[in-house]
Amino acid sequence: MENYVIKYPSYFDEIEDIENDNIDVFIETEDGFTYTLVVTTPKYLFSYMDKEGVDFIPAAPPEVIVKKLSKEVIEKAVKTYLEDDSYWLKLYFLAGTNEGLFDVKEMDKILDKIKRTNKDIFG
């Protein structure tokens, strides 16, 4: 995808520690749709675990992980999510919705098919 605009929250320039935070970014595509992605840093993930007193990140929708929250780095990362007909942009966005796109029963059917294929291949 070539025609898109990345929009940042109004507080973007006020982020105190660009290596220890997370933000939502908005990708407006040429068809008028706006995707939302959470962009976070590794330090923020560690800070979260320390704050919550846990040694793991609980299951949650996927986030784009960058070393620092600069427009340059975010734009480089987002560009990779737009490759291959925006496959990863779409997947990350849909994984964060509550629309039931990833219905557990449908996922189980796909996994069963993969298991059968693997059994045929590996015995």
PDB file of N, CA and C in Angstrom:
ATOM      1  N   MET A   1       0.850  -1.174   0.000  1.00  0.00           N
ATOM      2  CA  MET A   1       0.000   0.000   0.000  1.00  0.00           C
ATOM      3  C   MET A   1       0.897   1.239   0.000  1.00  0.00           C
ATOM      4  N   GLU A   2       0.599   2.132  -0.896  1.00  0.00           N
ATOM      5  CA  GLU A   2       1.448   3.313  -1.040  1.00  0.00           C
ATOM      6  C   GLU A   2       0.819   4.589  -0.504  1.00  0.00           C
ATOM      7  N   ASN A   3      -0.487   4.707  -0.599  1.00  0.00           N
ATOM      8  CA  ASN A   3      -1.143   5.945  -0.191  1.00  0.00           C
ATOM      9  C   ASN A   3      -1.756   5.789   1.194  1.00  0.00           C
ATOM     10  N   TYR A   4      -1.084   6.332   2.183  1.00  0.00           N
ATOM     11  CA  TYR A   4      -1.562   6.278   3.555  1.00  0.00           C
ATOM     12  C   TYR A   4      -0.981   7.467   4.317  1.00  0.00           C
ATOM     13  N   VAL A   5      -1.627   7.773   5.429  1.00  0.00           N
ATOM     14  CA  VAL A   5      -1.158   8.846   6.304  1.00  0.00           C
ATOM     15  C   VAL A   5      -1.135   8.297   7.723  1.00  0.00           C
ATOM     16  N   ILE A   6      -0.034   8.523   8.420  1.00  0.00           N
ATOM     17  CA  ILE A   6       0.047   8.130   9.825  1.00  0.00           C
ATOM     18  C   ILE A   6      -0.289   9.354  10.661  1.00  0.00           C
ATOM     19  N   LYS A   7      -1.262   9.190  11.548  1.00  0.00           N
ATOM     20  CA  LYS A   7      -1.637  10.283  12.447  1.00  0.00           C
ATOM     21  C   LYS A   7      -1.281   9.886  13.870  1.00  0.00           C
ATOM     22  N   TYR A   8      -0.811  10.873  14.605  1.00  0.00           N
ATOM     23  CA  TYR A   8      -0.350  10.660  15.971  1.00  0.00           C
ATOM     24  C   TYR A   8      -1.288  11.366  16.941  1.00  0.00           C
ATOM     25  N   PRO A   9      -1.371  10.881  18.187  1.00  0.00           N
ATOM     26  CA  PRO A   9      -2.219  11.568  19.162  1.00  0.00           C
ATOM     27  C   PRO A   9      -1.685  12.974  19.445  1.00  0.00           C
ATOM     28  N   SER A  10      -2.570  13.852  19.897  1.00  0.00           N
ATOM     29  CA  SER A  10      -2.193  15.253  20.123  1.00  0.00           C
ATOM     30  C   SER A  10      -1.077  15.400  21.153  1.00  0.00           C
ATOM     31  N   TYR A  11      -0.955  14.470  22.073  1.00  0.00           N
ATOM     32  CA  TYR A  11       0.074  14.549  23.113  1.00  0.00           C
ATOM     33  C   TYR A  11       1.425  13.963  22.676  1.00  0.00           C
ATOM     34  N   PHE A  12       1.554  13.564  21.427  1.00  0.00           N
ATOM     35  CA  PHE A  12       2.770  12.885  20.967  1.00  0.00           C
ATOM     36  C   PHE A  12       4.042  13.655  21.325  1.00  0.00           C
ATOM     37  N   ASP A  13       4.068  14.944  21.070  1.00  0.00           N
ATOM     38  CA  ASP A  13       5.275  15.742  21.327  1.00  0.00           C
ATOM     39  C   ASP A  13       5.539  15.966  22.810  1.00  0.00           C
ATOM     40  N   GLU A  14       4.618  15.553  23.661  1.00  0.00           N
ATOM     41  CA  GLU A  14       4.775  15.737  25.103  1.00  0.00           C
ATOM     42  C   GLU A  14       5.200  14.460  25.820  1.00  0.00           C
ATOM     43  N   ILE A  15       5.449  13.395  25.079  1.00  0.00           N
ATOM     44  CA  ILE A  15       5.875  12.138  25.703  1.00  0.00           C
ATOM     45  C   ILE A  15       7.199  12.384  26.410  1.00  0.00           C
ATOM     46  N   GLU A  16       7.243  12.071  27.697  1.00  0.00           N
ATOM     47  CA  GLU A  16       8.430  12.362  28.502  1.00  0.00           C
ATOM     48  C   GLU A  16       9.605  11.442  28.198  1.00  0.00           C
ATOM     49  N   ASP A  17       9.344  10.161  28.052  1.00  0.00           N
ATOM     50  CA  ASP A  17      10.428   9.204  27.816  1.00  0.00           C
ATOM     51  C   ASP A  17      10.070   8.370  26.588  1.00  0.00           C
ATOM     52  N   ILE A  18      10.631   8.725  25.450  1.00  0.00           N
ATOM     53  CA  ILE A  18      10.264   8.052  24.197  1.00  0.00           C
ATOM     54  C   ILE A  18      10.753   6.605  24.131  1.00  0.00           C
ATOM     55  N   GLU A  19      11.569   6.194  25.099  1.00  0.00           N
ATOM     56  CA  GLU A  19      12.014   4.802  25.147  1.00  0.00           C
ATOM     57  C   GLU A  19      11.250   3.991  26.191  1.00  0.00           C
ATOM     58  N   ASN A  20      10.270   4.627  26.852  1.00  0.00           N
ATOM     59  CA  ASN A  20       9.522   3.935  27.899  1.00  0.00           C
ATOM     60  C   ASN A  20       8.074   4.435  27.920  1.00  0.00           C
ATOM     61  N   ASP A  21       7.321   4.072  26.891  1.00  0.00           N
ATOM     62  CA  ASP A  21       5.922   4.494  26.812  1.00  0.00           C
ATOM     63  C   ASP A  21       5.227   3.707  25.705  1.00  0.00           C
ATOM     64  N   ASN A  22       3.947   3.958  25.543  1.00  0.00           N
ATOM     65  CA  ASN A  22       3.210   3.410  24.408  1.00  0.00           C
ATOM     66  C   ASN A  22       2.172   4.425  23.956  1.00  0.00           C
ATOM     67  N   ILE A  23       1.768   4.324  22.693  1.00  0.00           N
ATOM     68  CA  ILE A  23       0.772   5.235  22.129  1.00  0.00           C
ATOM     69  C   ILE A  23      -0.063   4.493  21.091  1.00  0.00           C
ATOM     70  N   ASP A  24      -1.211   5.064  20.799  1.00  0.00           N
ATOM     71  CA  ASP A  24      -1.995   4.607  19.656  1.00  0.00           C
ATOM     72  C   ASP A  24      -1.607   5.462  18.463  1.00  0.00           C
ATOM     73  N   VAL A  25      -1.409   4.828  17.324  1.00  0.00           N
ATOM     74  CA  VAL A  25      -1.222   5.577  16.079  1.00  0.00           C
ATOM     75  C   VAL A  25      -2.340   5.170  15.134  1.00  0.00           C
ATOM     76  N   PHE A  26      -2.655   6.062  14.223  1.00  0.00           N
ATOM     77  CA  PHE A  26      -3.784   5.869  13.323  1.00  0.00           C
ATOM     78  C   PHE A  26      -3.280   5.923  11.890  1.00  0.00           C
ATOM     79  N   ILE A  27      -3.574   4.882  11.133  1.00  0.00           N
ATOM     80  CA  ILE A  27      -3.134   4.808   9.746  1.00  0.00           C
ATOM     81  C   ILE A  27      -4.369   4.971   8.868  1.00  0.00           C
ATOM     82  N   GLU A  28      -4.434   6.101   8.178  1.00  0.00           N
ATOM     83  CA  GLU A  28      -5.538   6.360   7.257  1.00  0.00           C
ATOM     84  C   GLU A  28      -5.108   5.896   5.874  1.00  0.00           C
ATOM     85  N   THR A  29      -5.911   5.011   5.282  1.00  0.00           N
ATOM     86  CA  THR A  29      -5.562   4.444   3.985  1.00  0.00           C
ATOM     87  C   THR A  29      -6.311   5.155   2.864  1.00  0.00           C
ATOM     88  N   GLU A  30      -5.886   4.868   1.649  1.00  0.00           N
ATOM     89  CA  GLU A  30      -6.451   5.541   0.479  1.00  0.00           C
ATOM     90  C   GLU A  30      -7.943   5.287   0.298  1.00  0.00           C
ATOM     91  N   ASP A  31      -8.460   4.206   0.875  1.00  0.00           N
ATOM     92  CA  ASP A  31      -9.897   3.934   0.760  1.00  0.00           C
ATOM     93  C   ASP A  31     -10.712   4.612   1.858  1.00  0.00           C
ATOM     94  N   GLY A  32     -10.044   5.414   2.700  1.00  0.00           N
ATOM     95  CA  GLY A  32     -10.737   6.166   3.735  1.00  0.00           C
ATOM     96  C   GLY A  32     -10.868   5.452   5.069  1.00  0.00           C
ATOM     97  N   PHE A  33     -10.339   4.236   5.166  1.00  0.00           N
ATOM     98  CA  PHE A  33     -10.423   3.493   6.424  1.00  0.00           C
ATOM     99  C   PHE A  33      -9.275   3.898   7.339  1.00  0.00           C
ATOM    100  N   THR A  34      -9.533   3.915   8.638  1.00  0.00           N
ATOM    101  CA  THR A  34      -8.492   4.236   9.611  1.00  0.00           C
ATOM    102  C   THR A  34      -8.238   3.025  10.498  1.00  0.00           C
ATOM    103  N   TYR A  35      -7.000   2.551  10.491  1.00  0.00           N
ATOM    104  CA  TYR A  35      -6.561   1.461  11.354  1.00  0.00           C
ATOM    105  C   TYR A  35      -5.909   2.065  12.591  1.00  0.00           C
ATOM    106  N   THR A  36      -6.119   1.436  13.736  1.00  0.00           N
ATOM    107  CA  THR A  36      -5.458   1.859  14.966  1.00  0.00           C
ATOM    108  C   THR A  36      -4.479   0.768  15.370  1.00  0.00           C
ATOM    109  N   LEU A  37      -3.253   1.173  15.689  1.00  0.00           N
ATOM    110  CA  LEU A  37      -2.240   0.251  16.195  1.00  0.00           C
ATOM    111  C   LEU A  37      -1.672   0.805  17.487  1.00  0.00           C
ATOM    112  N   VAL A  38      -1.418  -0.074  18.435  1.00  0.00           N
ATOM    113  CA  VAL A  38      -0.704   0.326  19.643  1.00  0.00           C
ATOM    114  C   VAL A  38       0.776   0.121  19.370  1.00  0.00           C
ATOM    115  N   VAL A  39       1.551   1.171  19.604  1.00  0.00           N
ATOM    116  CA  VAL A  39       3.000   1.114  19.424  1.00  0.00           C
ATOM    117  C   VAL A  39       3.620   1.266  20.806  1.00  0.00           C
ATOM    118  N   THR A  40       4.501   0.350  21.157  1.00  0.00           N
ATOM    119  CA  THR A  40       5.090   0.356  22.494  1.00  0.00           C
ATOM    120  C   THR A  40       6.588   0.101  22.418  1.00  0.00           C
ATOM    121  N   THR A  41       7.262   0.345  23.522  1.00  0.00           N
ATOM    122  CA  THR A  41       8.703   0.105  23.589  1.00  0.00           C
ATOM    123  C   THR A  41       8.987  -1.061  24.536  1.00  0.00           C
ATOM    124  N   PRO A  42      10.115  -1.740  24.356  1.00  0.00           N
ATOM    125  CA  PRO A  42      10.468  -2.825  25.273  1.00  0.00           C
ATOM    126  C   PRO A  42      10.564  -2.352  26.724  1.00  0.00           C
ATOM    127  N   LYS A  43      11.127  -1.165  26.942  1.00  0.00           N
ATOM    128  CA  LYS A  43      11.233  -0.657  28.317  1.00  0.00           C
ATOM    129  C   LYS A  43       9.857  -0.491  28.947  1.00  0.00           C
ATOM    130  N   TYR A  44       8.886  -0.074  28.146  1.00  0.00           N
ATOM    131  CA  TYR A  44       7.533   0.082  28.681  1.00  0.00           C
ATOM    132  C   TYR A  44       6.979  -1.271  29.124  1.00  0.00           C
ATOM    133  N   LEU A  45       7.260  -2.306  28.359  1.00  0.00           N
ATOM    134  CA  LEU A  45       6.787  -3.638  28.735  1.00  0.00           C
ATOM    135  C   LEU A  45       7.401  -4.072  30.061  1.00  0.00           C
ATOM    136  N   PHE A  46       8.700  -3.807  30.240  1.00  0.00           N
ATOM    137  CA  PHE A  46       9.354  -4.120  31.515  1.00  0.00           C
ATOM    138  C   PHE A  46       8.771  -3.283  32.646  1.00  0.00           C
ATOM    139  N   SER A  47       8.528  -2.004  32.392  1.00  0.00           N
ATOM    140  CA  SER A  47       7.927  -1.127  33.406  1.00  0.00           C
ATOM    141  C   SER A  47       6.550  -1.627  33.809  1.00  0.00           C
ATOM    142  N   TYR A  48       5.789  -2.060  32.821  1.00  0.00           N
ATOM    143  CA  TYR A  48       4.451  -2.591  33.096  1.00  0.00           C
ATOM    144  C   TYR A  48       4.541  -3.799  34.028  1.00  0.00           C
ATOM    145  N   MET A  49       5.448  -4.733  33.714  1.00  0.00           N
ATOM    146  CA  MET A  49       5.582  -5.926  34.550  1.00  0.00           C
ATOM    147  C   MET A  49       6.002  -5.553  35.963  1.00  0.00           C
ATOM    148  N   ASP A  50       6.940  -4.627  36.098  1.00  0.00           N
ATOM    149  CA  ASP A  50       7.370  -4.178  37.426  1.00  0.00           C
ATOM    150  C   ASP A  50       6.206  -3.552  38.187  1.00  0.00           C
ATOM    151  N   LYS A  51       5.472  -2.679  37.521  1.00  0.00           N
ATOM    152  CA  LYS A  51       4.345  -1.979  38.148  1.00  0.00           C
ATOM    153  C   LYS A  51       3.268  -2.956  38.613  1.00  0.00           C
ATOM    154  N   GLU A  52       3.001  -3.967  37.789  1.00  0.00           N
ATOM    155  CA  GLU A  52       1.956  -4.942  38.104  1.00  0.00           C
ATOM    156  C   GLU A  52       2.455  -6.086  38.982  1.00  0.00           C
ATOM    157  N   GLY A  53       3.772  -6.163  39.202  1.00  0.00           N
ATOM    158  CA  GLY A  53       4.334  -7.228  40.021  1.00  0.00           C
ATOM    159  C   GLY A  53       4.236  -8.599  39.373  1.00  0.00           C
ATOM    160  N   VAL A  54       4.374  -8.632  38.050  1.00  0.00           N
ATOM    161  CA  VAL A  54       4.321  -9.899  37.320  1.00  0.00           C
ATOM    162  C   VAL A  54       5.606 -10.066  36.513  1.00  0.00           C
ATOM    163  N   ASP A  55       5.871 -11.295  36.084  1.00  0.00           N
ATOM    164  CA  ASP A  55       7.079 -11.535  35.292  1.00  0.00           C
ATOM    165  C   ASP A  55       6.745 -11.968  33.867  1.00  0.00           C
ATOM    166  N   PHE A  56       5.593 -11.526  33.377  1.00  0.00           N
ATOM    167  CA  PHE A  56       5.167 -11.798  32.004  1.00  0.00           C
ATOM    168  C   PHE A  56       4.157 -10.730  31.593  1.00  0.00           C
ATOM    169  N   ILE A  57       3.921 -10.653  30.293  1.00  0.00           N
ATOM    170  CA  ILE A  57       2.877  -9.775  29.767  1.00  0.00           C
ATOM    171  C   ILE A  57       1.651 -10.654  29.526  1.00  0.00           C
ATOM    172  N   PRO A  58       0.533 -10.352  30.159  1.00  0.00           N
ATOM    173  CA  PRO A  58      -0.666 -11.169  29.964  1.00  0.00           C
ATOM    174  C   PRO A  58      -1.133 -11.143  28.505  1.00  0.00           C
ATOM    175  N   ALA A  59      -1.901 -12.150  28.143  1.00  0.00           N
ATOM    176  CA  ALA A  59      -2.455 -12.225  26.791  1.00  0.00           C
ATOM    177  C   ALA A  59      -3.240 -10.950  26.488  1.00  0.00           C
ATOM    178  N   ALA A  60      -3.005 -10.410  25.311  1.00  0.00           N
ATOM    179  CA  ALA A  60      -3.651  -9.165  24.891  1.00  0.00           C
ATOM    180  C   ALA A  60      -3.491  -9.039  23.381  1.00  0.00           C
ATOM    181  N   PRO A  61      -4.248  -8.136  22.763  1.00  0.00           N
ATOM    182  CA  PRO A  61      -4.039  -7.902  21.329  1.00  0.00           C
ATOM    183  C   PRO A  61      -2.586  -7.513  21.056  1.00  0.00           C
ATOM    184  N   PRO A  62      -2.087  -7.842  19.880  1.00  0.00           N
ATOM    185  CA  PRO A  62      -0.680  -7.562  19.566  1.00  0.00           C
ATOM    186  C   PRO A  62      -0.374  -6.068  19.496  1.00  0.00           C
ATOM    187  N   GLU A  63       0.878  -5.740  19.782  1.00  0.00           N
ATOM    188  CA  GLU A  63       1.366  -4.366  19.716  1.00  0.00           C
ATOM    189  C   GLU A  63       2.580  -4.313  18.801  1.00  0.00           C
ATOM    190  N   VAL A  64       2.787  -3.174  18.189  1.00  0.00           N
ATOM    191  CA  VAL A  64       3.986  -2.934  17.386  1.00  0.00           C
ATOM    192  C   VAL A  64       5.068  -2.490  18.366  1.00  0.00           C
ATOM    193  N   ILE A  65       6.201  -3.166  18.357  1.00  0.00           N
ATOM    194  CA  ILE A  65       7.261  -2.849  19.315  1.00  0.00           C
ATOM    195  C   ILE A  65       8.394  -2.130  18.596  1.00  0.00           C
ATOM    196  N   VAL A  66       8.744  -0.966  19.132  1.00  0.00           N
ATOM    197  CA  VAL A  66       9.814  -0.143  18.572  1.00  0.00           C
ATOM    198  C   VAL A  66      10.782   0.226  19.686  1.00  0.00           C
ATOM    199  N   LYS A  67      12.009   0.542  19.312  1.00  0.00           N
ATOM    200  CA  LYS A  67      13.012   0.915  20.308  1.00  0.00           C
ATOM    201  C   LYS A  67      12.682   2.246  20.965  1.00  0.00           C
ATOM    202  N   LYS A  68      12.166   3.184  20.157  1.00  0.00           N
ATOM    203  CA  LYS A  68      11.783   4.486  20.712  1.00  0.00           C
ATOM    204  C   LYS A  68      10.605   5.046  19.929  1.00  0.00           C
ATOM    205  N   LEU A  69       9.834   5.882  20.591  1.00  0.00           N
ATOM    206  CA  LEU A  69       8.633   6.464  19.997  1.00  0.00           C
ATOM    207  C   LEU A  69       8.963   7.758  19.267  1.00  0.00           C
ATOM    208  N   SER A  70       9.701   7.612  18.186  1.00  0.00           N
ATOM    209  CA  SER A  70       9.966   8.759  17.314  1.00  0.00           C
ATOM    210  C   SER A  70       9.189   8.523  16.022  1.00  0.00           C
ATOM    211  N   LYS A  71       8.802   9.596  15.366  1.00  0.00           N
ATOM    212  CA  LYS A  71       8.048   9.442  14.120  1.00  0.00           C
ATOM    213  C   LYS A  71       8.848   8.657  13.094  1.00  0.00           C
ATOM    214  N   GLU A  72      10.150   8.896  13.042  1.00  0.00           N
ATOM    215  CA  GLU A  72      11.002   8.192  12.079  1.00  0.00           C
ATOM    216  C   GLU A  72      10.944   6.679  12.289  1.00  0.00           C
ATOM    217  N   VAL A  73      11.095   6.238  13.533  1.00  0.00           N
ATOM    218  CA  VAL A  73      11.096   4.805  13.825  1.00  0.00           C
ATOM    219  C   VAL A  73       9.702   4.213  13.618  1.00  0.00           C
ATOM    220  N   ILE A  74       8.684   4.904  14.085  1.00  0.00           N
ATOM    221  CA  ILE A  74       7.312   4.411  13.924  1.00  0.00           C
ATOM    222  C   ILE A  74       6.974   4.273  12.447  1.00  0.00           C
ATOM    223  N   GLU A  75       7.348   5.248  11.642  1.00  0.00           N
ATOM    224  CA  GLU A  75       7.055   5.187  10.207  1.00  0.00           C
ATOM    225  C   GLU A  75       7.773   4.019   9.536  1.00  0.00           C
ATOM    226  N   LYS A  76       9.011   3.744   9.949  1.00  0.00           N
ATOM    227  CA  LYS A  76       9.724   2.581   9.406  1.00  0.00           C
ATOM    228  C   LYS A  76       8.990   1.294   9.770  1.00  0.00           C
ATOM    229  N   ALA A  77       8.559   1.200  11.020  1.00  0.00           N
ATOM    230  CA  ALA A  77       7.862  -0.006  11.470  1.00  0.00           C
ATOM    231  C   ALA A  77       6.535  -0.172  10.737  1.00  0.00           C
ATOM    232  N   VAL A  78       5.748   0.902  10.676  1.00  0.00           N
ATOM    233  CA  VAL A  78       4.435   0.826  10.026  1.00  0.00           C
ATOM    234  C   VAL A  78       4.582   0.421   8.568  1.00  0.00           C
ATOM    235  N   LYS A  79       5.606   0.905   7.914  1.00  0.00           N
ATOM    236  CA  LYS A  79       5.819   0.571   6.501  1.00  0.00           C
ATOM    237  C   LYS A  79       5.906  -0.947   6.303  1.00  0.00           C
ATOM    238  N   THR A  80       6.528  -1.651   7.243  1.00  0.00           N
ATOM    239  CA  THR A  80       6.624  -3.109   7.119  1.00  0.00           C
ATOM    240  C   THR A  80       5.265  -3.775   7.296  1.00  0.00           C
ATOM    241  N   TYR A  81       4.375  -3.143   8.051  1.00  0.00           N
ATOM    242  CA  TYR A  81       3.034  -3.686   8.258  1.00  0.00           C
ATOM    243  C   TYR A  81       2.145  -3.462   7.039  1.00  0.00           C
ATOM    244  N   LEU A  82       2.573  -2.613   6.131  1.00  0.00           N
ATOM    245  CA  LEU A  82       1.808  -2.315   4.920  1.00  0.00           C
ATOM    246  C   LEU A  82       2.217  -3.183   3.730  1.00  0.00           C
ATOM    247  N   GLU A  83       3.265  -3.974   3.894  1.00  0.00           N
ATOM    248  CA  GLU A  83       3.712  -4.854   2.817  1.00  0.00           C
ATOM    249  C   GLU A  83       2.707  -5.993   2.621  1.00  0.00           C
ATOM    250  N   ASP A  84       2.803  -6.642   1.478  1.00  0.00           N
ATOM    251  CA  ASP A  84       1.970  -7.821   1.177  1.00  0.00           C
ATOM    252  C   ASP A  84       0.482  -7.529   1.361  1.00  0.00           C
ATOM    253  N   ASP A  85       0.029  -6.470   0.684  1.00  0.00           N
ATOM    254  CA  ASP A  85      -1.380  -6.063   0.745  1.00  0.00           C
ATOM    255  C   ASP A  85      -1.818  -5.767   2.182  1.00  0.00           C
ATOM    256  N   SER A  86      -0.906  -5.207   2.964  1.00  0.00           N
ATOM    257  CA  SER A  86      -1.176  -4.783   4.350  1.00  0.00           C
ATOM    258  C   SER A  86      -1.592  -5.945   5.252  1.00  0.00           C
ATOM    259  N   TYR A  87      -1.070  -7.119   4.975  1.00  0.00           N
ATOM    260  CA  TYR A  87      -1.457  -8.310   5.733  1.00  0.00           C
ATOM    261  C   TYR A  87      -1.327  -8.102   7.240  1.00  0.00           C
ATOM    262  N   TRP A  88      -0.141  -7.662   7.696  1.00  0.00           N
ATOM    263  CA  TRP A  88       0.090  -7.542   9.143  1.00  0.00           C
ATOM    264  C   TRP A  88      -0.683  -6.384   9.756  1.00  0.00           C
ATOM    265  N   LEU A  89      -0.856  -5.312   9.025  1.00  0.00           N
ATOM    266  CA  LEU A  89      -1.680  -4.206   9.517  1.00  0.00           C
ATOM    267  C   LEU A  89      -3.103  -4.698   9.768  1.00  0.00           C
ATOM    268  N   LYS A  90      -3.654  -5.412   8.813  1.00  0.00           N
ATOM    269  CA  LYS A  90      -5.014  -5.929   8.942  1.00  0.00           C
ATOM    270  C   LYS A  90      -5.116  -6.932  10.087  1.00  0.00           C
ATOM    271  N   LEU A  91      -4.134  -7.836  10.173  1.00  0.00           N
ATOM    272  CA  LEU A  91      -4.165  -8.854  11.220  1.00  0.00           C
ATOM    273  C   LEU A  91      -4.085  -8.226  12.608  1.00  0.00           C
ATOM    274  N   TYR A  92      -3.131  -7.321  12.820  1.00  0.00           N
ATOM    275  CA  TYR A  92      -2.982  -6.674  14.126  1.00  0.00           C
ATOM    276  C   TYR A  92      -4.237  -5.885  14.488  1.00  0.00           C
ATOM    277  N   PHE A  93      -4.792  -5.180  13.511  1.00  0.00           N
ATOM    278  CA  PHE A  93      -5.999  -4.393  13.770  1.00  0.00           C
ATOM    279  C   PHE A  93      -7.164  -5.305  14.139  1.00  0.00           C
ATOM    280  N   LEU A  94      -7.395  -6.334  13.336  1.00  0.00           N
ATOM    281  CA  LEU A  94      -8.527  -7.221  13.588  1.00  0.00           C
ATOM    282  C   LEU A  94      -8.367  -8.019  14.876  1.00  0.00           C
ATOM    283  N   ALA A  95      -7.140  -8.349  15.247  1.00  0.00           N
ATOM    284  CA  ALA A  95      -6.908  -9.084  16.487  1.00  0.00           C
ATOM    285  C   ALA A  95      -7.274  -8.240  17.704  1.00  0.00           C
ATOM    286  N   GLY A  96      -7.322  -6.933  17.536  1.00  0.00           N
ATOM    287  CA  GLY A  96      -7.658  -6.049  18.644  1.00  0.00           C
ATOM    288  C   GLY A  96      -9.117  -5.651  18.700  1.00  0.00           C
ATOM    289  N   THR A  97      -9.947  -6.214  17.818  1.00  0.00           N
ATOM    290  CA  THR A  97     -11.372  -5.864  17.820  1.00  0.00           C
ATOM    291  C   THR A  97     -12.177  -6.943  18.526  1.00  0.00           C
ATOM    292  N   ASN A  98     -13.396  -6.623  18.836  1.00  0.00           N
ATOM    293  CA  ASN A  98     -14.291  -7.594  19.481  1.00  0.00           C
ATOM    294  C   ASN A  98     -15.365  -8.078  18.516  1.00  0.00           C
ATOM    295  N   GLU A  99     -15.044  -8.114  17.250  1.00  0.00           N
ATOM    296  CA  GLU A  99     -16.030  -8.475  16.236  1.00  0.00           C
ATOM    297  C   GLU A  99     -16.177  -9.981  16.051  1.00  0.00           C
ATOM    298  N   GLY A 100     -15.398 -10.766  16.756  1.00  0.00           N
ATOM    299  CA  GLY A 100     -15.515 -12.204  16.634  1.00  0.00           C
ATOM    300  C   GLY A 100     -14.912 -12.764  15.363  1.00  0.00           C
ATOM    301  N   LEU A 101     -14.051 -11.986  14.712  1.00  0.00           N
ATOM    302  CA  LEU A 101     -13.429 -12.453  13.479  1.00  0.00           C
ATOM    303  C   LEU A 101     -12.652 -13.739  13.727  1.00  0.00           C
ATOM    304  N   PHE A 102     -11.998 -13.798  14.858  1.00  0.00           N
ATOM    305  CA  PHE A 102     -11.208 -14.969  15.191  1.00  0.00           C
ATOM    306  C   PHE A 102     -12.009 -15.851  16.144  1.00  0.00           C
ATOM    307  N   ASP A 103     -13.125 -16.340  15.651  1.00  0.00           N
ATOM    308  CA  ASP A 103     -14.001 -17.208  16.413  1.00  0.00           C
ATOM    309  C   ASP A 103     -13.246 -18.482  16.780  1.00  0.00           C
ATOM    310  N   VAL A 104     -13.334 -18.869  18.039  1.00  0.00           N
ATOM    311  CA  VAL A 104     -12.579 -20.025  18.525  1.00  0.00           C
ATOM    312  C   VAL A 104     -12.949 -21.293  17.757  1.00  0.00           C
ATOM    313  N   LYS A 105     -14.217 -21.488  17.452  1.00  0.00           N
ATOM    314  CA  LYS A 105     -14.619 -22.693  16.715  1.00  0.00           C
ATOM    315  C   LYS A 105     -13.997 -22.718  15.321  1.00  0.00           C
ATOM    316  N   GLU A 106     -13.949 -21.564  14.673  1.00  0.00           N
ATOM    317  CA  GLU A 106     -13.320 -21.490  13.346  1.00  0.00           C
ATOM    318  C   GLU A 106     -11.815 -21.743  13.449  1.00  0.00           C
ATOM    319  N   MET A 107     -11.190 -21.189  14.491  1.00  0.00           N
ATOM    320  CA  MET A 107      -9.753 -21.435  14.679  1.00  0.00           C
ATOM    321  C   MET A 107      -9.497 -22.916  14.922  1.00  0.00           C
ATOM    322  N   ASP A 108     -10.364 -23.561  15.706  1.00  0.00           N
ATOM    323  CA  ASP A 108     -10.211 -24.995  15.967  1.00  0.00           C
ATOM    324  C   ASP A 108     -10.310 -25.808  14.679  1.00  0.00           C
ATOM    325  N   LYS A 109     -11.217 -25.421  13.775  1.00  0.00           N
ATOM    326  CA  LYS A 109     -11.335 -26.112  12.485  1.00  0.00           C
ATOM    327  C   LYS A 109     -10.044 -25.990  11.678  1.00  0.00           C
ATOM    328  N   ILE A 110      -9.487 -24.799  11.646  1.00  0.00           N
ATOM    329  CA  ILE A 110      -8.234 -24.577  10.910  1.00  0.00           C
ATOM    330  C   ILE A 110      -7.113 -25.396  11.531  1.00  0.00           C
ATOM    331  N   LEU A 111      -7.039 -25.397  12.866  1.00  0.00           N
ATOM    332  CA  LEU A 111      -5.998 -26.173  13.549  1.00  0.00           C
ATOM    333  C   LEU A 111      -6.165 -27.669  13.299  1.00  0.00           C
ATOM    334  N   ASP A 112      -7.399 -28.154  13.290  1.00  0.00           N
ATOM    335  CA  ASP A 112      -7.631 -29.573  12.990  1.00  0.00           C
ATOM    336  C   ASP A 112      -7.139 -29.921  11.589  1.00  0.00           C
ATOM    337  N   LYS A 113      -7.384 -29.042  10.639  1.00  0.00           N
ATOM    338  CA  LYS A 113      -6.915 -29.265   9.267  1.00  0.00           C
ATOM    339  C   LYS A 113      -5.386 -29.324   9.230  1.00  0.00           C
ATOM    340  N   ILE A 114      -4.734 -28.424   9.949  1.00  0.00           N
ATOM    341  CA  ILE A 114      -3.264 -28.418  10.004  1.00  0.00           C
ATOM    342  C   ILE A 114      -2.759 -29.693  10.668  1.00  0.00           C
ATOM    343  N   LYS A 115      -3.419 -30.123  11.740  1.00  0.00           N
ATOM    344  CA  LYS A 115      -3.017 -31.360  12.422  1.00  0.00           C
ATOM    345  C   LYS A 115      -3.102 -32.553  11.470  1.00  0.00           C
ATOM    346  N   ARG A 116      -4.198 -32.612  10.683  1.00  0.00           N
ATOM    347  CA  ARG A 116      -4.346 -33.723   9.724  1.00  0.00           C
ATOM    348  C   ARG A 116      -3.240 -33.677   8.672  1.00  0.00           C
ATOM    349  N   THR A 117      -2.943 -32.480   8.185  1.00  0.00           N
ATOM    350  CA  THR A 117      -1.873 -32.325   7.193  1.00  0.00           C
ATOM    351  C   THR A 117      -0.541 -32.757   7.787  1.00  0.00           C
ATOM    352  N   ASN A 118      -0.260 -32.318   9.010  1.00  0.00           N
ATOM    353  CA  ASN A 118       0.997 -32.694   9.663  1.00  0.00           C
ATOM    354  C   ASN A 118       1.078 -34.196   9.888  1.00  0.00           C
ATOM    355  N   LYS A 119      -0.053 -34.811  10.238  1.00  0.00           N
ATOM    356  CA  LYS A 119      -0.067 -36.256  10.449  1.00  0.00           C
ATOM    357  C   LYS A 119       0.245 -36.978   9.143  1.00  0.00           C
ATOM    358  N   ASP A 120      -0.304 -36.473   8.027  1.00  0.00           N
ATOM    359  CA  ASP A 120      -0.022 -37.068   6.716  1.00  0.00           C
ATOM    360  C   ASP A 120       1.453 -36.923   6.355  1.00  0.00           C
ATOM    361  N   ILE A 121       2.050 -35.794   6.718  1.00  0.00           N
ATOM    362  CA  ILE A 121       3.450 -35.534   6.376  1.00  0.00           C
ATOM    363  C   ILE A 121       4.400 -36.289   7.294  1.00  0.00           C
ATOM    364  N   PHE A 122       4.135 -36.213   8.606  1.00  0.00           N
ATOM    365  CA  PHE A 122       5.084 -36.742   9.586  1.00  0.00           C
ATOM    366  C   PHE A 122       4.694 -38.101  10.154  1.00  0.00           C
ATOM    367  N   GLY A 123       3.502 -38.558   9.828  1.00  0.00           N
ATOM    368  CA  GLY A 123       3.065 -39.863  10.286  1.00  0.00           C
ATOM    369  C   GLY A 123       2.507 -39.914  11.645  1.00  0.00           C
TER     370      GLY A 123
END
